[in-house]
Amino acid sequence: MTTSLGTLRVRVSHVIYHIMANIHYLVKISSNRASLFKTPILLDFYYSYDIIYIGKAWGMFPRSIRVFCHYHRSFKMSQSTQPVTQSPTFNTIYTHVKPHFDEAAAIAVMQLVGEQKYPGISKASVLFCRDGETVDGLDWKSHYIRGHLQIGVGGGLFDEHPTKDGTPRKVGQSACSLVVKALGLNEHPVYRKLSDYVTKSDQERTTDPFHLSNLIKCLYRMPGNNHDETFLLAVKLVKAWICQELEGFKAQALVDSILRNGQFNTVRVNIGGESKILKVTWAVCDNLKFAAMARNAGFAVVVQRNKNGLTQIFINQHHKHLMDIEAVVEAVRRAELLAQGGEESDLVGENLRQIGKTASVPNWYYMMPGDMLLNGSESAPDTEPSKLSLPGLVHTVCDNIGKKG
């Protein structure tokens, strides 16, 4: 239909809709039969069509219809401009092809600890798109409400890059730092450390050939290499680092408890006429960070037994000049042989201070460099556990550690 006042194109279905809308309006204010016309149905119907009007031609419709349609049209248009506040169930993560270190780190963090804020994200599929392009022609908010999270692409919450529509680069940020901040972890020591490290490498383009960001690039460029596998490996490495750092905090808590409770022995040694105090501690735990944290706290010797009975004796390298480490190695091996039912005569001609293993006591390995005496390790988990009790072993160490004069 064409008029001098403008143009209005209305299909038959539109006319039917307007009639229904008018009836809905009248019934709603005049009786309780309004339930016959459920608003969601009308809204769905309305959203399926676009009413195009110009000038006074719009005035041909009754006011009730004009008010009803104008309200819902405004509601529809406002949806794209409202801030995203709700958290739908997430099923997909989008990032660009050959993701960099910062996107890999961001996705690792999101998968590890993002589930509470972004339900479903830990198991969401990861899909790749070309950098700078929109996916399916939709903006990031449209993807968000569909359960799609864009990281390093799309110009949204977790994309620090400038966009084609003029949005400037998020200065001082990386995909990883944006994710860490969004999850409220920017003050957490582990995630803050990761965020700072990744962001610095992303902005300064480190030249260290063994930096993870450069190793990832090397894998991408290797002929015949699967890019998806490279990305998954990068994510796995970041997750492994995070988990080990968190283990370090648990280990530090154990060390703090040991110091509070006085769970250590002291050994006085005299070197060159000067008296020194060495602290020896012990613990039964599987935390692989414990020994390092205990030595960082100033313990000269750390004896750690895991839940499978395997035991390691670690020496603090800052105190080794005060100790007779070989005397400890010899004393422990002798005590082990006797605990296994052996005799002193079995040791005739054998050097119990030998580096590596000895024939008579093969379950204690003296490792150099490092000055560690190991009854099993990560690479030797099938070693026969020591027969020595933990208190007895600690006593043997303390009795022999300070013999150097």
Protein backbone atom coordinates (compact mmCIF):
# COMPACT_ATOMS: atom_id res chain seq x y z
CA MET A 1 0.00 0.00 0.00
CA THR A 2 1.37 3.39 -0.95
CA THR A 3 0.20 6.77 0.41
CA SER A 4 1.46 10.33 0.08
CA LEU A 5 2.22 10.28 3.77
CA GLY A 6 4.57 7.29 3.62
CA THR A 7 4.76 3.59 3.05
CA LEU A 8 3.49 0.72 5.16
CA ARG A 9 4.04 -2.89 4.21
CA VAL A 10 1.85 -5.23 6.17
CA ARG A 11 1.39 -8.88 5.36
CA VAL A 12 -1.82 -10.71 6.21
CA SER A 13 -0.09 -12.32 9.17
CA HIS A 14 0.72 -8.87 10.51
CA VAL A 15 -2.89 -7.81 10.30
CA ILE A 16 -3.90 -10.94 12.20
CA TYR A 17 -1.32 -10.10 14.81
CA HIS A 18 -2.59 -6.56 15.25
CA ILE A 19 -6.13 -7.85 15.71
CA MET A 20 -4.90 -10.31 18.35
CA ALA A 21 -2.93 -7.60 20.08
CA ASN A 22 -5.95 -5.32 20.20
CA ILE A 23 -8.15 -8.10 21.58
CA HIS A 24 -5.46 -8.95 24.10
CA TYR A 25 -5.37 -5.36 25.27
CA LEU A 26 -9.15 -5.11 25.61
CA VAL A 27 -9.60 -8.49 27.30
CA LYS A 28 -6.77 -7.79 29.71
CA ILE A 29 -8.48 -4.70 31.08
CA SER A 30 -12.03 -6.02 30.98
CA SER A 31 -12.00 -9.62 32.18
CA ASN A 32 -9.94 -12.43 33.62
CA ARG A 33 -9.80 -14.22 30.30
CA ALA A 34 -6.51 -12.59 29.38
CA SER A 35 -4.76 -15.92 29.93
CA LEU A 36 -6.10 -16.97 26.53
CA PHE A 37 -3.49 -14.67 25.00
CA LYS A 38 -0.17 -15.39 26.65
CA THR A 39 2.26 -12.51 26.17
CA PRO A 40 5.27 -14.76 25.35
CA ILE A 41 3.37 -16.18 22.37
CA LEU A 42 2.53 -12.69 21.15
CA LEU A 43 6.09 -11.55 21.72
CA ASP A 44 7.50 -14.49 19.77
CA PHE A 45 5.04 -13.71 17.00
CA TYR A 46 5.96 -10.05 17.09
CA TYR A 47 9.69 -10.73 16.99
CA SER A 48 9.20 -12.89 13.89
CA TYR A 49 8.17 -9.92 11.79
CA ASP A 50 9.33 -6.37 11.36
CA ILE A 51 6.73 -3.61 11.18
CA ILE A 52 7.93 -0.91 8.80
CA TYR A 53 6.15 2.40 8.95
CA ILE A 54 6.78 5.95 7.83
CA GLY A 55 5.01 9.19 8.72
CA LYS A 56 1.34 9.40 9.54
CA ALA A 57 0.50 6.02 8.03
CA TRP A 58 1.19 4.58 11.51
CA GLY A 59 -1.79 6.54 12.75
CA MET A 60 -4.20 4.29 10.85
CA PHE A 61 -3.95 1.75 13.69
CA PRO A 62 -5.92 2.08 16.95
CA ARG A 63 -4.00 3.59 19.86
CA SER A 64 -4.15 0.35 21.85
CA ILE A 65 -2.22 -1.45 19.13
CA ARG A 66 0.25 1.40 18.70
CA VAL A 67 1.05 1.50 22.43
CA PHE A 68 1.35 -2.29 22.70
CA CYS A 69 3.63 -2.64 19.65
CA HIS A 70 5.73 0.40 20.49
CA TYR A 71 6.43 -0.93 23.99
CA HIS A 72 7.55 -4.36 22.81
CA ARG A 73 9.46 -2.94 19.87
CA SER A 74 11.41 -0.74 22.29
CA PHE A 75 11.99 -3.75 24.53
CA LYS A 76 13.33 -5.74 21.61
CA MET A 77 15.71 -2.98 20.54
CA SER A 78 16.94 -2.39 24.08
CA GLN A 79 18.05 -6.01 24.45
CA SER A 80 21.20 -5.43 22.40
CA THR A 81 22.27 -2.42 24.47
CA GLN A 82 21.67 -3.75 27.98
CA PRO A 83 24.82 -4.80 29.90
CA VAL A 84 25.29 -8.54 30.18
CA THR A 85 24.50 -9.49 33.76
CA GLN A 86 23.07 -12.98 33.65
CA SER A 87 25.20 -16.11 33.37
CA PRO A 88 23.72 -18.69 31.02
CA THR A 89 25.06 -22.22 30.82
CA PHE A 90 28.18 -22.06 28.66
CA ASN A 91 28.88 -24.69 26.05
CA THR A 92 31.49 -23.13 23.76
CA ILE A 93 34.70 -21.13 24.01
CA TYR A 94 35.79 -19.25 20.89
CA THR A 95 39.37 -18.13 20.32
CA HIS A 96 41.47 -17.42 17.26
CA VAL A 97 43.35 -19.95 15.16
CA LYS A 98 46.75 -20.89 16.68
CA PRO A 99 46.03 -19.29 20.08
CA HIS A 100 48.92 -17.49 21.73
CA PHE A 101 50.28 -18.09 25.21
CA ASP A 102 47.88 -15.55 26.75
CA GLU A 103 44.75 -17.16 25.25
CA ALA A 104 45.95 -20.63 26.29
CA ALA A 105 46.56 -19.37 29.84
CA ALA A 106 43.19 -17.59 29.91
CA ILE A 107 41.34 -20.73 28.84
CA ALA A 108 43.30 -22.84 31.34
CA VAL A 109 42.27 -20.52 34.18
CA MET A 110 38.67 -20.39 32.99
CA GLN A 111 38.42 -24.18 32.80
CA LEU A 112 40.03 -24.65 36.22
CA VAL A 113 38.16 -22.08 38.31
CA GLY A 114 35.53 -20.40 36.13
CA GLU A 115 32.71 -22.90 36.66
CA GLN A 116 30.96 -21.04 39.47
CA LYS A 117 30.68 -17.76 37.58
CA TYR A 118 30.35 -19.30 34.11
CA PRO A 119 28.42 -22.59 34.57
CA GLY A 120 29.42 -25.31 32.12
CA ILE A 121 32.66 -23.59 31.08
CA SER A 122 34.93 -26.33 32.45
CA LYS A 123 33.52 -28.77 29.87
CA ALA A 124 32.80 -26.31 27.06
CA SER A 125 34.06 -27.10 23.57
CA VAL A 126 36.86 -24.91 22.22
CA LEU A 127 36.38 -23.68 18.65
CA PHE A 128 38.67 -21.53 16.53
CA CYS A 129 37.91 -18.59 14.26
CA ARG A 130 39.94 -16.16 12.21
CA ASP A 131 41.38 -13.26 14.16
CA GLY A 132 39.35 -10.06 13.77
CA GLU A 133 36.28 -11.76 12.32
CA THR A 134 32.87 -12.15 13.93
CA VAL A 135 31.46 -15.66 14.25
CA ASP A 136 28.17 -16.16 12.40
CA GLY A 137 27.88 -12.38 12.08
CA LEU A 138 26.99 -12.01 15.79
CA ASP A 139 28.54 -9.65 18.32
CA TRP A 140 30.03 -10.90 21.58
CA LYS A 141 26.87 -10.17 23.61
CA SER A 142 24.76 -12.24 21.25
CA HIS A 143 27.22 -15.09 21.63
CA TYR A 144 27.29 -14.64 25.40
CA ILE A 145 23.55 -15.14 25.85
CA ARG A 146 23.84 -18.26 23.68
CA GLY A 147 26.43 -19.72 26.04
CA HIS A 148 29.45 -18.83 23.92
CA LEU A 149 32.45 -17.19 25.58
CA GLN A 150 34.93 -15.42 23.32
CA ILE A 151 38.54 -15.20 24.52
CA GLY A 152 41.05 -13.12 22.59
CA VAL A 153 38.49 -12.45 19.85
CA GLY A 154 35.17 -10.68 19.33
CA GLY A 155 35.98 -7.40 21.08
CA GLY A 156 34.19 -8.49 24.25
CA LEU A 157 34.99 -9.09 27.88
CA PHE A 158 38.15 -11.10 27.30
CA ASP A 159 39.60 -9.53 24.17
CA GLU A 160 42.31 -6.92 24.72
CA HIS A 161 42.79 -6.18 21.01
CA PRO A 162 41.46 -3.05 19.27
CA THR A 163 38.37 -3.72 17.16
CA LYS A 164 37.21 -2.65 13.70
CA ASP A 165 34.46 -0.48 15.17
CA GLY A 166 37.03 1.75 16.88
CA THR A 167 37.18 0.21 20.34
CA PRO A 168 40.77 0.86 21.49
CA ARG A 169 43.15 -1.75 22.82
CA LYS A 170 42.82 -2.51 26.52
CA VAL A 171 46.23 -1.14 27.51
CA GLY A 172 48.23 -3.22 29.95
CA GLN A 173 45.91 -6.21 29.62
CA SER A 174 46.01 -9.65 28.05
CA ALA A 175 43.33 -12.26 27.60
CA CYS A 176 44.72 -13.96 30.70
CA SER A 177 44.67 -10.84 32.89
CA LEU A 178 41.09 -10.05 31.81
CA VAL A 179 39.93 -13.55 32.78
CA VAL A 180 41.78 -13.44 36.11
CA LYS A 181 40.22 -10.07 36.90
CA ALA A 182 36.72 -11.17 35.89
CA LEU A 183 36.97 -14.17 38.22
CA GLY A 184 38.04 -11.94 41.12
CA LEU A 185 41.48 -13.55 41.34
CA ASN A 186 43.69 -10.55 40.60
CA GLU A 187 44.80 -10.46 44.26
CA HIS A 188 45.33 -14.22 44.53
CA PRO A 189 49.12 -14.77 44.65
CA VAL A 190 49.15 -17.68 42.19
CA TYR A 191 46.78 -16.26 39.59
CA ARG A 192 48.21 -12.75 39.93
CA LYS A 193 51.69 -14.17 39.35
CA LEU A 194 50.48 -16.00 36.24
CA SER A 195 48.59 -12.95 34.98
CA ASP A 196 51.60 -10.64 35.36
CA TYR A 197 53.97 -13.13 33.77
CA VAL A 198 51.73 -13.86 30.78
CA THR A 199 50.82 -10.21 30.20
CA LYS A 200 54.45 -9.12 30.33
CA SER A 201 55.49 -11.77 27.81
CA ASP A 202 52.54 -10.84 25.58
CA GLN A 203 53.39 -7.14 25.53
CA GLU A 204 57.18 -7.27 25.53
CA ARG A 205 57.52 -10.21 23.13
CA THR A 206 60.25 -12.04 25.05
CA THR A 207 63.29 -13.17 23.09
CA ASP A 208 64.03 -16.09 25.42
CA PRO A 209 63.94 -19.09 23.02
CA PHE A 210 62.87 -21.43 25.83
CA HIS A 211 60.00 -19.27 27.07
CA LEU A 212 56.73 -21.17 26.79
CA SER A 213 55.26 -18.56 24.44
CA ASN A 214 58.10 -19.11 21.98
CA LEU A 215 58.01 -22.90 22.33
CA ILE A 216 54.30 -22.79 21.47
CA LYS A 217 55.12 -20.84 18.30
CA CYS A 218 57.82 -23.38 17.42
CA LEU A 219 55.29 -26.20 17.67
CA TYR A 220 52.77 -24.33 15.51
CA ARG A 221 55.45 -23.82 12.85
CA MET A 222 56.68 -27.41 12.87
CA PRO A 223 55.75 -29.05 9.54
CA GLY A 224 52.97 -31.59 9.89
CA ASN A 225 52.20 -30.68 13.49
CA ASN A 226 48.58 -30.65 14.64
CA HIS A 227 47.71 -27.14 15.80
CA ASP A 228 44.87 -28.31 18.02
CA GLU A 229 47.21 -30.67 19.87
CA THR A 230 49.69 -27.84 20.37
CA PHE A 231 46.99 -25.66 21.88
CA LEU A 232 45.80 -28.45 24.19
CA LEU A 233 49.38 -29.07 25.30
CA ALA A 234 49.84 -25.37 26.10
CA VAL A 235 46.65 -25.34 28.17
CA LYS A 236 47.72 -28.49 29.99
CA LEU A 237 51.15 -27.03 30.82
CA VAL A 238 49.58 -23.88 32.27
CA LYS A 239 47.18 -25.97 34.36
CA ALA A 240 50.11 -28.08 35.62
CA TRP A 241 51.98 -24.94 36.66
CA ILE A 242 48.92 -23.57 38.48
CA CYS A 243 48.36 -26.85 40.33
CA GLN A 244 52.00 -27.01 41.45
CA GLU A 245 51.93 -23.41 42.64
CA LEU A 246 48.80 -24.15 44.66
CA GLU A 247 50.57 -27.20 46.12
CA GLY A 248 53.32 -24.82 47.16
CA PHE A 249 50.85 -22.83 49.25
CA LYS A 250 49.64 -25.99 50.94
CA ALA A 251 53.25 -26.92 51.64
CA GLN A 252 53.93 -23.49 53.08
CA ALA A 253 50.96 -23.90 55.41
CA LEU A 254 52.45 -27.19 56.64
CA VAL A 255 55.85 -25.56 57.19
CA ASP A 256 54.21 -22.73 59.13
CA SER A 257 52.47 -25.32 61.31
CA ILE A 258 55.77 -27.10 61.95
CA LEU A 259 57.41 -23.87 63.02
CA ARG A 260 54.48 -22.97 65.29
CA ASN A 261 54.42 -26.38 66.93
CA GLY A 262 58.19 -26.77 67.20
CA GLN A 263 58.26 -29.99 65.17
CA PHE A 264 62.00 -29.98 64.55
CA ASN A 265 65.28 -30.90 66.21
CA THR A 266 68.26 -28.63 66.59
CA VAL A 267 71.87 -29.75 66.17
CA ARG A 268 74.76 -27.61 67.33
CA VAL A 269 77.90 -27.76 65.19
CA ASN A 270 81.27 -26.09 65.64
CA ILE A 271 83.14 -24.96 62.53
CA GLY A 272 86.40 -23.07 62.86
CA GLY A 273 85.68 -22.28 66.48
CA GLU A 274 82.27 -20.82 65.59
CA SER A 275 79.08 -22.45 66.90
CA LYS A 276 76.10 -22.86 64.54
CA ILE A 277 72.61 -24.28 65.03
CA LEU A 278 71.14 -26.56 62.37
CA LYS A 279 67.43 -27.32 62.31
CA VAL A 280 66.20 -30.74 61.16
CA THR A 281 62.51 -31.36 60.46
CA TRP A 282 60.37 -34.19 59.15
CA ALA A 283 56.87 -34.89 57.84
CA VAL A 284 54.69 -37.63 56.37
CA CYS A 285 53.05 -36.16 53.27
CA ASP A 286 52.85 -36.52 49.49
CA ASN A 287 53.27 -32.82 48.74
CA LEU A 288 56.22 -32.55 46.36
CA LYS A 289 56.73 -28.89 47.26
CA PHE A 290 57.16 -29.51 50.97
CA ALA A 291 60.92 -30.11 51.03
CA ALA A 292 61.67 -27.00 49.00
CA MET A 293 59.40 -24.84 51.16
CA ALA A 294 60.94 -26.22 54.35
CA ARG A 295 64.45 -25.46 53.11
CA ASN A 296 63.33 -21.97 52.11
CA ALA A 297 62.19 -21.54 55.72
CA GLY A 298 65.74 -22.23 56.92
CA PHE A 299 65.72 -25.94 57.74
CA ALA A 300 69.13 -27.49 57.10
CA VAL A 301 67.81 -31.04 56.66
CA VAL A 302 64.32 -32.18 55.67
CA VAL A 303 63.23 -35.82 56.02
CA GLN A 304 60.01 -36.53 54.09
CA ARG A 305 58.14 -39.84 53.96
CA ASN A 306 55.20 -40.28 51.60
CA LYS A 307 52.11 -42.37 52.27
CA ASN A 308 53.62 -45.32 50.44
CA GLY A 309 56.52 -45.41 52.89
CA LEU A 310 59.19 -44.03 50.54
CA THR A 311 61.54 -41.56 52.21
CA GLN A 312 63.83 -38.80 50.99
CA ILE A 313 66.45 -36.81 52.87
CA PHE A 314 67.05 -33.33 51.45
CA ILE A 315 69.99 -31.07 52.29
CA ASN A 316 69.83 -27.28 52.27
CA GLN A 317 72.65 -26.17 49.97
CA HIS A 318 73.14 -22.98 51.97
CA HIS A 319 74.11 -25.08 55.01
CA LYS A 320 75.99 -27.97 53.41
CA HIS A 321 79.40 -26.54 54.37
CA LEU A 322 78.40 -27.01 58.02
CA MET A 323 77.50 -30.70 57.62
CA ASP A 324 79.19 -34.03 57.09
CA ILE A 325 76.73 -35.33 54.55
CA GLU A 326 78.69 -38.45 53.69
CA ALA A 327 78.67 -39.44 57.36
CA VAL A 328 74.86 -39.27 57.27
CA VAL A 329 74.75 -41.40 54.10
CA GLU A 330 76.97 -44.04 55.67
CA ALA A 331 75.03 -44.11 58.95
CA VAL A 332 71.63 -44.41 57.25
CA ARG A 333 72.76 -47.24 54.99
CA ARG A 334 74.28 -49.14 57.91
CA ALA A 335 71.10 -48.71 59.99
CA GLU A 336 69.00 -49.88 57.03
CA LEU A 337 71.04 -53.04 56.56
CA LEU A 338 70.66 -53.92 60.23
CA ALA A 339 66.92 -53.17 60.13
CA GLN A 340 66.61 -55.61 57.21
CA GLY A 341 68.25 -58.36 59.30
CA GLY A 342 71.76 -58.02 57.91
CA GLU A 343 75.07 -58.21 59.80
CA GLU A 344 77.98 -55.80 60.09
CA SER A 345 80.09 -58.47 58.41
CA ASP A 346 77.99 -57.99 55.27
CA LEU A 347 79.52 -54.55 54.90
CA VAL A 348 83.14 -55.64 54.79
CA GLY A 349 84.87 -54.04 51.84
CA GLU A 350 81.85 -51.97 50.84
CA ASN A 351 81.95 -48.20 50.59
CA LEU A 352 78.73 -47.03 52.21
CA ARG A 353 79.49 -43.44 51.13
CA GLN A 354 79.37 -44.37 47.48
CA ILE A 355 77.41 -42.15 45.12
CA GLY A 356 74.44 -43.92 43.57
CA LYS A 357 73.51 -47.37 44.91
CA THR A 358 75.42 -49.94 46.93
CA ALA A 359 75.09 -53.71 46.57
CA SER A 360 74.19 -54.34 50.20
CA VAL A 361 71.66 -51.49 50.56
CA PRO A 362 70.24 -50.85 47.07
CA ASN A 363 67.10 -49.05 48.27
CA TRP A 364 69.00 -45.89 49.30
CA TYR A 365 70.38 -43.84 46.40
CA TYR A 366 72.92 -41.10 47.10
CA MET A 367 72.35 -38.45 44.46
CA MET A 368 74.99 -35.96 43.44
CA PRO A 369 74.81 -33.12 42.66
CA GLY A 370 72.12 -32.13 45.10
CA ASP A 371 73.31 -34.07 48.15
CA MET A 372 70.06 -36.02 48.40
CA LEU A 373 69.67 -39.48 49.91
CA LEU A 374 66.66 -41.09 48.26
CA ASN A 375 64.68 -44.14 49.22
CA GLY A 376 62.65 -44.02 46.00
CA SER A 377 61.58 -40.97 44.02
CA GLU A 378 59.15 -39.83 41.33
CA SER A 379 61.24 -41.68 38.74
CA ALA A 380 61.78 -44.73 40.98
CA PRO A 381 58.38 -45.36 42.62
CA ASP A 382 58.89 -49.15 42.84
CA THR A 383 61.81 -48.90 45.26
CA GLU A 384 61.50 -51.04 48.40
CA PRO A 385 60.45 -48.79 51.31
CA SER A 386 62.89 -48.29 54.16
CA LYS A 387 62.57 -50.54 57.21
CA LEU A 388 63.62 -47.67 59.48
CA SER A 389 60.99 -45.91 61.52
CA LEU A 390 60.71 -42.21 60.82
CA PRO A 391 61.74 -41.20 64.38
CA GLY A 392 64.66 -43.63 64.20
CA LEU A 393 65.76 -42.23 60.83
CA VAL A 394 65.59 -38.64 62.09
CA HIS A 395 67.62 -39.64 65.14
CA THR A 396 70.30 -41.21 62.92
CA VAL A 397 70.50 -38.03 60.82
CA CYS A 398 70.80 -35.76 63.85
CA ASP A 399 73.50 -37.94 65.46
CA ASN A 400 75.73 -37.81 62.39
CA ILE A 401 75.06 -34.52 60.61
CA GLY A 402 77.42 -32.37 62.66
CA LYS A 403 80.57 -34.46 62.82
CA LYS A 404 82.54 -32.12 60.60
CA GLY A 405 84.97 -30.10 62.75
